[in-house]
Amino acid sequence: MRVGVLGAKGKVGATMVQAVEAAEGLTFTAGVDAGDPLSLFTDSQTEVVIDFTHPDVVMDNLKSLIDSGIHAVVGTTGF
């Protein structure tokens, strides 16, 4: 499965990147942070994104991912 991470430079997001890279059967495709285009996920044929961003942007992230046919897992606290 091709996996991307939103909030990849944060503490938990960076841990998720490491976990995906270490997991058999998963391929890390892209890490996106504030200011980066979400199109990095579609460009890299990402199948699922783990979102560890901020509660204020989660809904916009989800809409964009769903519109692009990408599944999402939200781990953002306070959401």
PDB file of N, CA and C in Angstrom:
ATOM      1  N   MET A   1       0.847  -1.171   0.000  1.00  0.00           N
ATOM      2  CA  MET A   1       0.000   0.000   0.000  1.00  0.00           C
ATOM      3  C   MET A   1       0.895   1.238   0.000  1.00  0.00           C
ATOM      4  N   ARG A   2       0.495   2.215  -0.753  1.00  0.00           N
ATOM      5  CA  ARG A   2       1.253   3.460  -0.890  1.00  0.00           C
ATOM      6  C   ARG A   2       0.687   4.495   0.086  1.00  0.00           C
ATOM      7  N   VAL A   3       1.523   4.936   1.044  1.00  0.00           N
ATOM      8  CA  VAL A   3       1.074   5.744   2.176  1.00  0.00           C
ATOM      9  C   VAL A   3       1.806   7.085   2.221  1.00  0.00           C
ATOM     10  N   GLY A   4       1.038   8.150   2.428  1.00  0.00           N
ATOM     11  CA  GLY A   4       1.602   9.481   2.633  1.00  0.00           C
ATOM     12  C   GLY A   4       1.255   9.980   4.018  1.00  0.00           C
ATOM     13  N   VAL A   5       1.966  11.006   4.469  1.00  0.00           N
ATOM     14  CA  VAL A   5       1.732  11.566   5.802  1.00  0.00           C
ATOM     15  C   VAL A   5       1.582  13.082   5.698  1.00  0.00           C
ATOM     16  N   LEU A   6       0.491  13.584   6.254  1.00  0.00           N
ATOM     17  CA  LEU A   6       0.275  15.022   6.407  1.00  0.00           C
ATOM     18  C   LEU A   6       0.777  15.419   7.788  1.00  0.00           C
ATOM     19  N   GLY A   7       1.602  16.452   7.855  1.00  0.00           N
ATOM     20  CA  GLY A   7       2.224  16.828   9.120  1.00  0.00           C
ATOM     21  C   GLY A   7       3.487  16.023   9.364  1.00  0.00           C
ATOM     22  N   ALA A   8       4.166  15.663   8.293  1.00  0.00           N
ATOM     23  CA  ALA A   8       5.305  14.747   8.352  1.00  0.00           C
ATOM     24  C   ALA A   8       6.509  15.299   9.109  1.00  0.00           C
ATOM     25  N   LYS A   9       6.599  16.610   9.275  1.00  0.00           N
ATOM     26  CA  LYS A   9       7.741  17.193   9.985  1.00  0.00           C
ATOM     27  C   LYS A   9       7.477  17.376  11.474  1.00  0.00           C
ATOM     28  N   GLY A  10       6.242  17.140  11.901  1.00  0.00           N
ATOM     29  CA  GLY A  10       5.925  17.216  13.326  1.00  0.00           C
ATOM     30  C   GLY A  10       6.428  15.977  14.052  1.00  0.00           C
ATOM     31  N   LYS A  11       6.347  15.999  15.368  1.00  0.00           N
ATOM     32  CA  LYS A  11       6.861  14.891  16.176  1.00  0.00           C
ATOM     33  C   LYS A  11       6.172  13.566  15.841  1.00  0.00           C
ATOM     34  N   VAL A  12       4.851  13.545  15.901  1.00  0.00           N
ATOM     35  CA  VAL A  12       4.119  12.307  15.625  1.00  0.00           C
ATOM     36  C   VAL A  12       4.168  11.981  14.136  1.00  0.00           C
ATOM     37  N   GLY A  13       4.046  12.986  13.293  1.00  0.00           N
ATOM     38  CA  GLY A  13       4.109  12.756  11.855  1.00  0.00           C
ATOM     39  C   GLY A  13       5.429  12.138  11.429  1.00  0.00           C
ATOM     40  N   ALA A  14       6.533  12.621  11.990  1.00  0.00           N
ATOM     41  CA  ALA A  14       7.851  12.059  11.672  1.00  0.00           C
ATOM     42  C   ALA A  14       7.949  10.608  12.128  1.00  0.00           C
ATOM     43  N   THR A  15       7.328  10.302  13.258  1.00  0.00           N
ATOM     44  CA  THR A  15       7.299   8.920  13.745  1.00  0.00           C
ATOM     45  C   THR A  15       6.484   8.045  12.798  1.00  0.00           C
ATOM     46  N   MET A  16       5.388   8.586  12.269  1.00  0.00           N
ATOM     47  CA  MET A  16       4.577   7.838  11.303  1.00  0.00           C
ATOM     48  C   MET A  16       5.368   7.553  10.027  1.00  0.00           C
ATOM     49  N   VAL A  17       6.135   8.525   9.571  1.00  0.00           N
ATOM     50  CA  VAL A  17       6.965   8.321   8.379  1.00  0.00           C
ATOM     51  C   VAL A  17       7.928   7.162   8.623  1.00  0.00           C
ATOM     52  N   GLN A  18       8.592   7.168   9.777  1.00  0.00           N
ATOM     53  CA  GLN A  18       9.533   6.090  10.110  1.00  0.00           C
ATOM     54  C   GLN A  18       8.830   4.743  10.171  1.00  0.00           C
ATOM     55  N   ALA A  19       7.641   4.716  10.759  1.00  0.00           N
ATOM     56  CA  ALA A  19       6.893   3.460  10.885  1.00  0.00           C
ATOM     57  C   ALA A  19       6.488   2.917   9.515  1.00  0.00           C
ATOM     58  N   VAL A  20       6.031   3.798   8.642  1.00  0.00           N
ATOM     59  CA  VAL A  20       5.637   3.370   7.294  1.00  0.00           C
ATOM     60  C   VAL A  20       6.856   2.851   6.538  1.00  0.00           C
ATOM     61  N   GLU A  21       7.968   3.564   6.638  1.00  0.00           N
ATOM     62  CA  GLU A  21       9.181   3.144   5.931  1.00  0.00           C
ATOM     63  C   GLU A  21       9.691   1.796   6.429  1.00  0.00           C
ATOM     64  N   ALA A  22       9.460   1.494   7.702  1.00  0.00           N
ATOM     65  CA  ALA A  22       9.951   0.242   8.286  1.00  0.00           C
ATOM     66  C   ALA A  22       8.999  -0.934   8.075  1.00  0.00           C
ATOM     67  N   ALA A  23       7.753  -0.641   7.736  1.00  0.00           N
ATOM     68  CA  ALA A  23       6.733  -1.690   7.647  1.00  0.00           C
ATOM     69  C   ALA A  23       6.794  -2.432   6.318  1.00  0.00           C
ATOM     70  N   GLU A  24       6.738  -3.737   6.408  1.00  0.00           N
ATOM     71  CA  GLU A  24       6.690  -4.559   5.205  1.00  0.00           C
ATOM     72  C   GLU A  24       5.325  -4.389   4.540  1.00  0.00           C
ATOM     73  N   GLY A  25       5.324  -4.227   3.244  1.00  0.00           N
ATOM     74  CA  GLY A  25       4.073  -4.089   2.512  1.00  0.00           C
ATOM     75  C   GLY A  25       3.586  -2.657   2.369  1.00  0.00           C
ATOM     76  N   LEU A  26       4.280  -1.704   3.011  1.00  0.00           N
ATOM     77  CA  LEU A  26       3.922  -0.294   2.884  1.00  0.00           C
ATOM     78  C   LEU A  26       5.054   0.447   2.189  1.00  0.00           C
ATOM     79  N   THR A  27       4.682   1.411   1.361  1.00  0.00           N
ATOM     80  CA  THR A  27       5.655   2.260   0.687  1.00  0.00           C
ATOM     81  C   THR A  27       5.338   3.705   1.035  1.00  0.00           C
ATOM     82  N   PHE A  28       6.309   4.415   1.602  1.00  0.00           N
ATOM     83  CA  PHE A  28       6.123   5.834   1.897  1.00  0.00           C
ATOM     84  C   PHE A  28       6.231   6.611   0.589  1.00  0.00           C
ATOM     85  N   THR A  29       5.197   7.425   0.301  1.00  0.00           N
ATOM     86  CA  THR A  29       5.153   8.137  -0.972  1.00  0.00           C
ATOM     87  C   THR A  29       5.481   9.618  -0.854  1.00  0.00           C
ATOM     88  N   ALA A  30       4.955  10.288   0.187  1.00  0.00           N
ATOM     89  CA  ALA A  30       5.158  11.731   0.298  1.00  0.00           C
ATOM     90  C   ALA A  30       4.843  12.202   1.708  1.00  0.00           C
ATOM     91  N   GLY A  31       5.596  13.194   2.145  1.00  0.00           N
ATOM     92  CA  GLY A  31       5.319  13.885   3.395  1.00  0.00           C
ATOM     93  C   GLY A  31       4.956  15.318   3.071  1.00  0.00           C
ATOM     94  N   VAL A  32       3.829  15.766   3.562  1.00  0.00           N
ATOM     95  CA  VAL A  32       3.336  17.105   3.253  1.00  0.00           C
ATOM     96  C   VAL A  32       3.157  17.876   4.551  1.00  0.00           C
ATOM     97  N   ASP A  33       3.594  19.127   4.538  1.00  0.00           N
ATOM     98  CA  ASP A  33       3.444  20.016   5.685  1.00  0.00           C
ATOM     99  C   ASP A  33       2.826  21.326   5.222  1.00  0.00           C
ATOM    100  N   ALA A  34       2.589  22.236   6.163  1.00  0.00           N
ATOM    101  CA  ALA A  34       1.995  23.534   5.838  1.00  0.00           C
ATOM    102  C   ALA A  34       2.786  24.190   4.710  1.00  0.00           C
ATOM    103  N   GLY A  35       2.073  24.638   3.700  1.00  0.00           N
ATOM    104  CA  GLY A  35       2.703  25.297   2.569  1.00  0.00           C
ATOM    105  C   GLY A  35       3.028  24.378   1.408  1.00  0.00           C
ATOM    106  N   ASP A  36       3.013  23.070   1.650  1.00  0.00           N
ATOM    107  CA  ASP A  36       3.268  22.101   0.579  1.00  0.00           C
ATOM    108  C   ASP A  36       1.957  21.785  -0.142  1.00  0.00           C
ATOM    109  N   PRO A  37       2.003  21.551  -1.440  1.00  0.00           N
ATOM    110  CA  PRO A  37       0.775  21.216  -2.166  1.00  0.00           C
ATOM    111  C   PRO A  37       0.324  19.779  -1.887  1.00  0.00           C
ATOM    112  N   LEU A  38      -0.969  19.594  -1.671  1.00  0.00           N
ATOM    113  CA  LEU A  38      -1.514  18.249  -1.479  1.00  0.00           C
ATOM    114  C   LEU A  38      -1.399  17.418  -2.751  1.00  0.00           C
ATOM    115  N   SER A  39      -1.146  18.074  -3.874  1.00  0.00           N
ATOM    116  CA  SER A  39      -0.981  17.344  -5.134  1.00  0.00           C
ATOM    117  C   SER A  39       0.220  16.401  -5.098  1.00  0.00           C
ATOM    118  N   LEU A  40       1.118  16.565  -4.131  1.00  0.00           N
ATOM    119  CA  LEU A  40       2.232  15.622  -3.982  1.00  0.00           C
ATOM    120  C   LEU A  40       1.709  14.205  -3.782  1.00  0.00           C
ATOM    121  N   PHE A  41       0.540  14.085  -3.154  1.00  0.00           N
ATOM    122  CA  PHE A  41      -0.040  12.757  -2.930  1.00  0.00           C
ATOM    123  C   PHE A  41      -0.565  12.147  -4.228  1.00  0.00           C
ATOM    124  N   THR A  42      -1.262  12.937  -5.019  1.00  0.00           N
ATOM    125  CA  THR A  42      -1.763  12.389  -6.285  1.00  0.00           C
ATOM    126  C   THR A  42      -0.612  12.139  -7.255  1.00  0.00           C
ATOM    127  N   ASP A  43       0.362  13.034  -7.261  1.00  0.00           N
ATOM    128  CA  ASP A  43       1.524  12.869  -8.145  1.00  0.00           C
ATOM    129  C   ASP A  43       2.295  11.585  -7.839  1.00  0.00           C
ATOM    130  N   SER A  44       2.290  11.166  -6.571  1.00  0.00           N
ATOM    131  CA  SER A  44       3.036   9.967  -6.159  1.00  0.00           C
ATOM    132  C   SER A  44       2.142   8.731  -6.061  1.00  0.00           C
ATOM    133  N   GLN A  45       0.909   8.848  -6.546  1.00  0.00           N
ATOM    134  CA  GLN A  45      -0.052   7.736  -6.556  1.00  0.00           C
ATOM    135  C   GLN A  45      -0.283   7.163  -5.154  1.00  0.00           C
ATOM    136  N   THR A  46      -0.408   8.054  -4.184  1.00  0.00           N
ATOM    137  CA  THR A  46      -0.685   7.668  -2.805  1.00  0.00           C
ATOM    138  C   THR A  46      -2.089   7.082  -2.708  1.00  0.00           C
ATOM    139  N   GLU A  47      -2.221   5.995  -1.945  1.00  0.00           N
ATOM    140  CA  GLU A  47      -3.520   5.340  -1.760  1.00  0.00           C
ATOM    141  C   GLU A  47      -4.196   5.760  -0.460  1.00  0.00           C
ATOM    142  N   VAL A  48      -3.403   6.021   0.571  1.00  0.00           N
ATOM    143  CA  VAL A  48      -3.945   6.422   1.868  1.00  0.00           C
ATOM    144  C   VAL A  48      -3.005   7.441   2.504  1.00  0.00           C
ATOM    145  N   VAL A  49      -3.601   8.423   3.194  1.00  0.00           N
ATOM    146  CA  VAL A  49      -2.830   9.457   3.882  1.00  0.00           C
ATOM    147  C   VAL A  49      -3.170   9.420   5.365  1.00  0.00           C
ATOM    148  N   ILE A  50      -2.138   9.486   6.182  1.00  0.00           N
ATOM    149  CA  ILE A  50      -2.306   9.616   7.628  1.00  0.00           C
ATOM    150  C   ILE A  50      -2.166  11.103   7.937  1.00  0.00           C
ATOM    151  N   ASP A  51      -3.192  11.690   8.538  1.00  0.00           N
ATOM    152  CA  ASP A  51      -3.217  13.129   8.808  1.00  0.00           C
ATOM    153  C   ASP A  51      -2.935  13.398  10.282  1.00  0.00           C
ATOM    154  N   PHE A  52      -1.797  14.030  10.551  1.00  0.00           N
ATOM    155  CA  PHE A  52      -1.446  14.490  11.891  1.00  0.00           C
ATOM    156  C   PHE A  52      -1.165  15.983  11.828  1.00  0.00           C
ATOM    157  N   THR A  53      -2.164  16.734  11.354  1.00  0.00           N
ATOM    158  CA  THR A  53      -2.011  18.178  11.236  1.00  0.00           C
ATOM    159  C   THR A  53      -2.727  18.870  12.390  1.00  0.00           C
ATOM    160  N   HIS A  54      -3.367  19.972  12.113  1.00  0.00           N
ATOM    161  CA  HIS A  54      -4.049  20.790  13.118  1.00  0.00           C
ATOM    162  C   HIS A  54      -5.563  20.689  12.909  1.00  0.00           C
ATOM    163  N   PRO A  55      -6.338  20.692  14.002  1.00  0.00           N
ATOM    164  CA  PRO A  55      -7.798  20.573  13.867  1.00  0.00           C
ATOM    165  C   PRO A  55      -8.423  21.599  12.917  1.00  0.00           C
ATOM    166  N   ASP A  56      -7.817  22.766  12.797  1.00  0.00           N
ATOM    167  CA  ASP A  56      -8.376  23.815  11.939  1.00  0.00           C
ATOM    168  C   ASP A  56      -8.304  23.489  10.448  1.00  0.00           C
ATOM    169  N   VAL A  57      -7.431  22.566  10.057  1.00  0.00           N
ATOM    170  CA  VAL A  57      -7.259  22.271   8.630  1.00  0.00           C
ATOM    171  C   VAL A  57      -7.675  20.859   8.237  1.00  0.00           C
ATOM    172  N   VAL A  58      -8.053  20.043   9.210  1.00  0.00           N
ATOM    173  CA  VAL A  58      -8.368  18.638   8.922  1.00  0.00           C
ATOM    174  C   VAL A  58      -9.503  18.498   7.913  1.00  0.00           C
ATOM    175  N   MET A  59     -10.579  19.231   8.079  1.00  0.00           N
ATOM    176  CA  MET A  59     -11.727  19.074   7.185  1.00  0.00           C
ATOM    177  C   MET A  59     -11.374  19.446   5.743  1.00  0.00           C
ATOM    178  N   ASP A  60     -10.607  20.511   5.555  1.00  0.00           N
ATOM    179  CA  ASP A  60     -10.173  20.877   4.202  1.00  0.00           C
ATOM    180  C   ASP A  60      -9.270  19.795   3.615  1.00  0.00           C
ATOM    181  N   ASN A  61      -8.376  19.248   4.455  1.00  0.00           N
ATOM    182  CA  ASN A  61      -7.512  18.154   3.996  1.00  0.00           C
ATOM    183  C   ASN A  61      -8.345  16.956   3.559  1.00  0.00           C
ATOM    184  N   LEU A  62      -9.318  16.580   4.389  1.00  0.00           N
ATOM    185  CA  LEU A  62     -10.160  15.425   4.074  1.00  0.00           C
ATOM    186  C   LEU A  62     -10.922  15.628   2.771  1.00  0.00           C
ATOM    187  N   LYS A  63     -11.484  16.817   2.584  1.00  0.00           N
ATOM    188  CA  LYS A  63     -12.226  17.090   1.351  1.00  0.00           C
ATOM    189  C   LYS A  63     -11.319  16.934   0.136  1.00  0.00           C
ATOM    190  N   SER A  64     -10.138  17.493   0.207  1.00  0.00           N
ATOM    191  CA  SER A  64      -9.202  17.400  -0.915  1.00  0.00           C
ATOM    192  C   SER A  64      -8.801  15.956  -1.186  1.00  0.00           C
ATOM    193  N   LEU A  65      -8.527  15.198  -0.129  1.00  0.00           N
ATOM    194  CA  LEU A  65      -8.137  13.796  -0.297  1.00  0.00           C
ATOM    195  C   LEU A  65      -9.278  12.976  -0.892  1.00  0.00           C
ATOM    196  N   ILE A  66     -10.483  13.151  -0.355  1.00  0.00           N
ATOM    197  CA  ILE A  66     -11.644  12.410  -0.855  1.00  0.00           C
ATOM    198  C   ILE A  66     -11.902  12.757  -2.318  1.00  0.00           C
ATOM    199  N   ASP A  67     -11.834  14.053  -2.641  1.00  0.00           N
ATOM    200  CA  ASP A  67     -12.035  14.482  -4.030  1.00  0.00           C
ATOM    201  C   ASP A  67     -11.002  13.862  -4.973  1.00  0.00           C
ATOM    202  N   SER A  68      -9.830  13.519  -4.429  1.00  0.00           N
ATOM    203  CA  SER A  68      -8.761  12.911  -5.229  1.00  0.00           C
ATOM    204  C   SER A  68      -8.793  11.390  -5.196  1.00  0.00           C
ATOM    205  N   GLY A  69      -9.770  10.824  -4.476  1.00  0.00           N
ATOM    206  CA  GLY A  69      -9.885   9.371  -4.395  1.00  0.00           C
ATOM    207  C   GLY A  69      -8.867   8.725  -3.477  1.00  0.00           C
ATOM    208  N   ILE A  70      -8.353   9.494  -2.518  1.00  0.00           N
ATOM    209  CA  ILE A  70      -7.354   8.994  -1.577  1.00  0.00           C
ATOM    210  C   ILE A  70      -8.017   8.768  -0.222  1.00  0.00           C
ATOM    211  N   HIS A  71      -7.800   7.606   0.353  1.00  0.00           N
ATOM    212  CA  HIS A  71      -8.335   7.291   1.677  1.00  0.00           C
ATOM    213  C   HIS A  71      -7.546   8.050   2.738  1.00  0.00           C
ATOM    214  N   ALA A  72      -8.178   8.290   3.895  1.00  0.00           N
ATOM    215  CA  ALA A  72      -7.517   9.056   4.954  1.00  0.00           C
ATOM    216  C   ALA A  72      -7.724   8.410   6.314  1.00  0.00           C
ATOM    217  N   VAL A  73      -6.691   8.529   7.136  1.00  0.00           N
ATOM    218  CA  VAL A  73      -6.747   8.158   8.547  1.00  0.00           C
ATOM    219  C   VAL A  73      -6.369   9.419   9.312  1.00  0.00           C
ATOM    220  N   VAL A  74      -7.246   9.882  10.207  1.00  0.00           N
ATOM    221  CA  VAL A  74      -6.987  11.112  10.955  1.00  0.00           C
ATOM    222  C   VAL A  74      -6.514  10.762  12.354  1.00  0.00           C
ATOM    223  N   GLY A  75      -5.326  11.258  12.696  1.00  0.00           N
ATOM    224  CA  GLY A  75      -4.775  11.065  14.029  1.00  0.00           C
ATOM    225  C   GLY A  75      -4.601  12.382  14.754  1.00  0.00           C
ATOM    226  N   THR A  76      -5.110  13.452  14.165  1.00  0.00           N
ATOM    227  CA  THR A  76      -4.990  14.783  14.744  1.00  0.00           C
ATOM    228  C   THR A  76      -5.714  14.843  16.082  1.00  0.00           C
ATOM    229  N   THR A  77      -5.053  15.363  17.105  1.00  0.00           N
ATOM    230  CA  THR A  77      -5.698  15.495  18.408  1.00  0.00           C
ATOM    231  C   THR A  77      -6.559  16.754  18.428  1.00  0.00           C
ATOM    232  N   GLY A  78      -7.622  16.714  19.209  1.00  0.00           N
ATOM    233  CA  GLY A  78      -8.512  17.853  19.318  1.00  0.00           C
ATOM    234  C   GLY A  78      -9.479  17.994  18.165  1.00  0.00           C
ATOM    235  N   PHE A  79      -9.595  16.958  17.345  1.00  0.00           N
ATOM    236  CA  PHE A  79     -10.460  17.012  16.171  1.00  0.00           C
ATOM    237  C   PHE A  79     -11.802  16.447  16.520  1.00  0.00           C
TER     238      PHE A  79
END
